[in-house]
PDB file of N, CA and C in Angstrom:
ATOM      1  N   GLU A   1     -11.277  22.220 -13.922  1.00  0.00           N
ATOM      2  CA  GLU A   1     -10.034  21.307 -13.210  1.00  0.00           C
ATOM      3  C   GLU A   1     -10.824  20.295 -12.113  1.00  0.00           C
ATOM      4  N   GLY A   2     -11.019  19.126 -12.790  1.00  0.00           N
ATOM      5  CA  GLY A   2     -11.718  18.187 -11.631  1.00  0.00           C
ATOM      6  C   GLY A   2     -10.678  17.528 -11.005  1.00  0.00           C
ATOM      7  N   ARG A   3     -11.103  17.006  -9.740  1.00  0.00           N
ATOM      8  CA  ARG A   3     -10.148  16.097  -8.953  1.00  0.00           C
ATOM      9  C   ARG A   3     -10.978  14.836  -8.058  1.00  0.00           C
ATOM     10  N   LEU A   4     -10.360  13.780  -8.369  1.00  0.00           N
ATOM     11  CA  LEU A   4     -10.950  12.649  -7.417  1.00  0.00           C
ATOM     12  C   LEU A   4     -10.247  12.171  -6.763  1.00  0.00           C
ATOM     13  N   VAL A   5     -10.775  11.585  -5.637  1.00  0.00           N
ATOM     14  CA  VAL A   5     -10.343  10.947  -4.560  1.00  0.00           C
ATOM     15  C   VAL A   5     -11.313   9.921  -4.219  1.00  0.00           C
ATOM     16  N   HIS A   6     -10.237   8.650  -3.949  1.00  0.00           N
ATOM     17  CA  HIS A   6     -10.889   7.271  -3.828  1.00  0.00           C
ATOM     18  C   HIS A   6     -10.082   6.874  -2.464  1.00  0.00           C
ATOM     19  N   ILE A   7     -10.893   6.670  -1.518  1.00  0.00           N
ATOM     20  CA  ILE A   7     -10.708   5.987  -0.112  1.00  0.00           C
ATOM     21  C   ILE A   7     -11.215   4.467  -0.042  1.00  0.00           C
ATOM     22  N   ASP A   8     -10.028   3.545  -0.227  1.00  0.00           N
ATOM     23  CA  ASP A   8     -10.460   2.232  -0.013  1.00  0.00           C
ATOM     24  C   ASP A   8     -10.342   1.883   1.100  1.00  0.00           C
ATOM     25  N   PHE A   9     -11.630   1.845   1.804  1.00  0.00           N
ATOM     26  CA  PHE A   9     -11.935   1.588   3.150  1.00  0.00           C
ATOM     27  C   PHE A   9     -11.672   0.046   3.427  1.00  0.00           C
ATOM     28  N   GLY A  10     -12.051  -0.873   2.411  1.00  0.00           N
ATOM     29  CA  GLY A  10     -11.677  -2.437   2.409  1.00  0.00           C
ATOM     30  C   GLY A  10     -10.262  -2.477   2.735  1.00  0.00           C
ATOM     31  N   PHE A  11      -9.259  -2.100   1.896  1.00  0.00           N
ATOM     32  CA  PHE A  11      -8.008  -1.957   1.905  1.00  0.00           C
ATOM     33  C   PHE A  11      -7.303  -1.291   3.317  1.00  0.00           C
ATOM     34  N   ILE A  12      -7.760  -0.307   3.813  1.00  0.00           N
ATOM     35  CA  ILE A  12      -7.569   0.162   5.460  1.00  0.00           C
ATOM     36  C   ILE A  12      -8.108  -0.554   6.549  1.00  0.00           C
ATOM     37  N   LEU A  13      -9.284  -0.953   6.385  1.00  0.00           N
ATOM     38  CA  LEU A  13      -9.972  -1.908   7.431  1.00  0.00           C
ATOM     39  C   LEU A  13      -9.511  -3.159   7.408  1.00  0.00           C
ATOM     40  N   GLU A  14      -8.931  -3.704   6.102  1.00  0.00           N
ATOM     41  CA  GLU A  14      -8.414  -5.045   6.196  1.00  0.00           C
ATOM     42  C   GLU A  14      -9.799  -5.801   6.211  1.00  0.00           C
ATOM     43  N   THR A  15     -11.028  -5.632   5.355  1.00  0.00           N
ATOM     44  CA  THR A  15     -11.867  -6.374   5.046  1.00  0.00           C
ATOM     45  C   THR A  15     -12.062  -7.510   4.268  1.00  0.00           C
ATOM     46  N   SER A  16     -12.662  -8.586   4.553  1.00  0.00           N
ATOM     47  CA  SER A  16     -12.601  -9.827   3.826  1.00  0.00           C
ATOM     48  C   SER A  16     -14.000 -10.040   3.149  1.00  0.00           C
ATOM     49  N   PRO A  17     -13.857 -10.893   1.715  1.00  0.00           N
ATOM     50  CA  PRO A  17     -15.171 -10.985   1.303  1.00  0.00           C
ATOM     51  C   PRO A  17     -16.311 -11.761   2.346  1.00  0.00           C
ATOM     52  N   GLY A  18     -15.563 -12.431   3.076  1.00  0.00           N
ATOM     53  CA  GLY A  18     -16.381 -13.373   4.101  1.00  0.00           C
ATOM     54  C   GLY A  18     -17.232 -12.572   5.311  1.00  0.00           C
ATOM     55  N   GLY A  19     -16.729 -11.183   5.600  1.00  0.00           N
ATOM     56  CA  GLY A  19     -17.352 -10.273   6.415  1.00  0.00           C
ATOM     57  C   GLY A  19     -16.333 -10.100   7.606  1.00  0.00           C
ATOM     58  N   ASN A  20     -15.430 -10.866   7.624  1.00  0.00           N
ATOM     59  CA  ASN A  20     -14.406 -10.628   8.847  1.00  0.00           C
ATOM     60  C   ASN A  20     -13.787  -9.005   8.738  1.00  0.00           C
ATOM     61  N   MET A  21     -14.121  -8.169   9.496  1.00  0.00           N
ATOM     62  CA  MET A  21     -13.998  -6.736   9.314  1.00  0.00           C
ATOM     63  C   MET A  21     -13.094  -6.379  10.629  1.00  0.00           C
ATOM     64  N   ARG A  22     -12.066  -6.137  10.309  1.00  0.00           N
ATOM     65  CA  ARG A  22     -11.070  -5.749  11.560  1.00  0.00           C
ATOM     66  C   ARG A  22     -10.228  -4.373  11.135  1.00  0.00           C
ATOM     67  N   PHE A  23      -9.567  -3.642  12.291  1.00  0.00           N
ATOM     68  CA  PHE A  23      -8.637  -2.867  11.930  1.00  0.00           C
ATOM     69  C   PHE A  23      -7.055  -3.363  11.720  1.00  0.00           C
ATOM     70  N   GLU A  24      -6.652  -2.545  10.707  1.00  0.00           N
ATOM     71  CA  GLU A  24      -5.355  -2.973  10.467  1.00  0.00           C
ATOM     72  C   GLU A  24      -4.286  -2.550  11.642  1.00  0.00           C
ATOM     73  N   SER A  25      -3.637  -3.717  11.847  1.00  0.00           N
ATOM     74  CA  SER A  25      -2.663  -2.977  13.032  1.00  0.00           C
ATOM     75  C   SER A  25      -1.488  -2.432  12.943  1.00  0.00           C
ATOM     76  N   ALA A  26      -1.007  -2.639  11.308  1.00  0.00           N
ATOM     77  CA  ALA A  26       0.251  -1.816  10.965  1.00  0.00           C
ATOM     78  C   ALA A  26      -0.267  -0.274  10.857  1.00  0.00           C
ATOM     79  N   HIS A  27       0.613   0.595  11.227  1.00  0.00           N
ATOM     80  CA  HIS A  27       0.756   2.251  11.036  1.00  0.00           C
ATOM     81  C   HIS A  27       0.849   2.435   9.480  1.00  0.00           C
ATOM     82  N   PHE A  28       1.482   1.566   8.672  1.00  0.00           N
ATOM     83  CA  PHE A  28       1.432   2.039   7.213  1.00  0.00           C
ATOM     84  C   PHE A  28       1.673   0.586   6.520  1.00  0.00           C
ATOM     85  N   LYS A  29       0.791   0.269   5.444  1.00  0.00           N
ATOM     86  CA  LYS A  29       0.595  -0.600   5.034  1.00  0.00           C
ATOM     87  C   LYS A  29       1.211  -0.310   3.371  1.00  0.00           C
ATOM     88  N   LEU A  30       2.595  -1.277   3.369  1.00  0.00           N
ATOM     89  CA  LEU A  30       3.499  -0.974   1.868  1.00  0.00           C
ATOM     90  C   LEU A  30       2.809  -2.114   0.953  1.00  0.00           C
ATOM     91  N   SER A  31       2.047  -1.566  -0.045  1.00  0.00           N
ATOM     92  CA  SER A  31       1.429  -2.486  -0.825  1.00  0.00           C
ATOM     93  C   SER A  31       2.394  -2.890  -2.162  1.00  0.00           C
ATOM     94  N   HIS A  32       2.055  -3.656  -3.137  1.00  0.00           N
ATOM     95  CA  HIS A  32       2.926  -4.257  -4.091  1.00  0.00           C
ATOM     96  C   HIS A  32       3.174  -3.244  -5.015  1.00  0.00           C
ATOM     97  N   GLU A  33       1.981  -2.240  -5.381  1.00  0.00           N
ATOM     98  CA  GLU A  33       2.306  -1.157  -6.294  1.00  0.00           C
ATOM     99  C   GLU A  33       3.279  -0.057  -5.565  1.00  0.00           C
ATOM    100  N   MET A  34       3.023   0.062  -4.358  1.00  0.00           N
ATOM    101  CA  MET A  34       3.865   0.998  -3.877  1.00  0.00           C
ATOM    102  C   MET A  34       5.394   0.636  -4.060  1.00  0.00           C
ATOM    103  N   THR A  35       5.668  -0.861  -3.941  1.00  0.00           N
ATOM    104  CA  THR A  35       7.294  -1.304  -4.133  1.00  0.00           C
ATOM    105  C   THR A  35       7.510  -1.082  -5.354  1.00  0.00           C
ATOM    106  N   GLN A  36       6.807  -1.062  -6.264  1.00  0.00           N
ATOM    107  CA  GLN A  36       6.836  -1.144  -7.831  1.00  0.00           C
ATOM    108  C   GLN A  36       7.589   0.355  -8.265  1.00  0.00           C
ATOM    109  N   LEU A  37       6.871   1.306  -7.572  1.00  0.00           N
ATOM    110  CA  LEU A  37       7.500   2.734  -7.741  1.00  0.00           C
ATOM    111  C   LEU A  37       8.631   3.223  -6.715  1.00  0.00           C
ATOM    112  N   LEU A  38       8.735   2.622  -5.716  1.00  0.00           N
ATOM    113  CA  LEU A  38      10.037   2.662  -5.262  1.00  0.00           C
ATOM    114  C   LEU A  38      11.215   1.883  -5.704  1.00  0.00           C
ATOM    115  N   ASP A  39      10.986   0.787  -6.360  1.00  0.00           N
ATOM    116  CA  ASP A  39      12.077   0.170  -6.884  1.00  0.00           C
ATOM    117  C   ASP A  39      11.450  -0.488  -8.330  1.00  0.00           C
ATOM    118  N   PRO A  40      11.401  -0.294  -9.228  1.00  0.00           N
ATOM    119  CA  PRO A  40      10.839  -0.643 -10.686  1.00  0.00           C
ATOM    120  C   PRO A  40      11.713  -1.775 -11.156  1.00  0.00           C
ATOM    121  N   SER A  41      12.991  -1.841 -10.542  1.00  0.00           N
ATOM    122  CA  SER A  41      13.736  -3.362 -11.345  1.00  0.00           C
ATOM    123  C   SER A  41      13.184  -4.617 -10.394  1.00  0.00           C
ATOM    124  N   GLY A  42      12.652  -4.186  -9.344  1.00  0.00           N
ATOM    125  CA  GLY A  42      12.335  -5.347  -8.493  1.00  0.00           C
ATOM    126  C   GLY A  42      13.323  -5.933  -7.665  1.00  0.00           C
ATOM    127  N   VAL A  43      14.815  -5.438  -7.696  1.00  0.00           N
ATOM    128  CA  VAL A  43      15.758  -6.307  -7.103  1.00  0.00           C
ATOM    129  C   VAL A  43      15.854  -5.554  -5.584  1.00  0.00           C
ATOM    130  N   MET A  44      15.127  -4.596  -5.093  1.00  0.00           N
ATOM    131  CA  MET A  44      14.915  -4.038  -3.718  1.00  0.00           C
ATOM    132  C   MET A  44      16.384  -3.855  -3.004  1.00  0.00           C
ATOM    133  N   LYS A  45      17.442  -3.194  -4.071  1.00  0.00           N
ATOM    134  CA  LYS A  45      18.540  -2.724  -3.656  1.00  0.00           C
ATOM    135  C   LYS A  45      19.099  -1.321  -4.244  1.00  0.00           C
ATOM    136  N   SER A  46      17.988  -0.698  -4.558  1.00  0.00           N
ATOM    137  CA  SER A  46      18.282   0.693  -5.446  1.00  0.00           C
ATOM    138  C   SER A  46      18.415   1.400  -4.489  1.00  0.00           C
ATOM    139  N   ASP A  47      18.718   2.835  -4.633  1.00  0.00           N
ATOM    140  CA  ASP A  47      18.980   3.765  -3.813  1.00  0.00           C
ATOM    141  C   ASP A  47      17.640   4.275  -3.115  1.00  0.00           C
ATOM    142  N   THR A  48      16.691   4.529  -3.798  1.00  0.00           N
ATOM    143  CA  THR A  48      15.469   4.850  -3.487  1.00  0.00           C
ATOM    144  C   THR A  48      14.769   3.834  -2.610  1.00  0.00           C
ATOM    145  N   TRP A  49      15.052   2.590  -3.100  1.00  0.00           N
ATOM    146  CA  TRP A  49      14.282   1.325  -2.033  1.00  0.00           C
ATOM    147  C   TRP A  49      15.161   1.762  -0.729  1.00  0.00           C
ATOM    148  N   ASN A  50      16.518   1.775  -0.530  1.00  0.00           N
ATOM    149  CA  ASN A  50      17.051   1.683   0.654  1.00  0.00           C
ATOM    150  C   ASN A  50      16.867   2.863   1.681  1.00  0.00           C
ATOM    151  N   GLN A  51      16.324   4.003   0.908  1.00  0.00           N
ATOM    152  CA  GLN A  51      16.220   5.311   1.446  1.00  0.00           C
ATOM    153  C   GLN A  51      14.610   5.211   2.124  1.00  0.00           C
ATOM    154  N   PHE A  52      13.932   4.502   1.646  1.00  0.00           N
ATOM    155  CA  PHE A  52      12.600   4.513   2.517  1.00  0.00           C
ATOM    156  C   PHE A  52      12.239   3.488   3.086  1.00  0.00           C
ATOM    157  N   VAL A  53      12.780   2.134   2.977  1.00  0.00           N
ATOM    158  CA  VAL A  53      12.514   0.848   3.315  1.00  0.00           C
ATOM    159  C   VAL A  53      13.536   0.551   4.164  1.00  0.00           C
TER     160      VAL A  53
END
């Protein structure tokens, strides 16, 4: 039973290809992929969307 953990430090620390590294100011970063899980239809009016956002 294997497990894989991936930590994307570039996403967390908001690093850019140009080398501008700074800490993320938001406590939580809502990605496009997360919004697709919460509201697959994309209308942002579902019960799940309203519960979490």
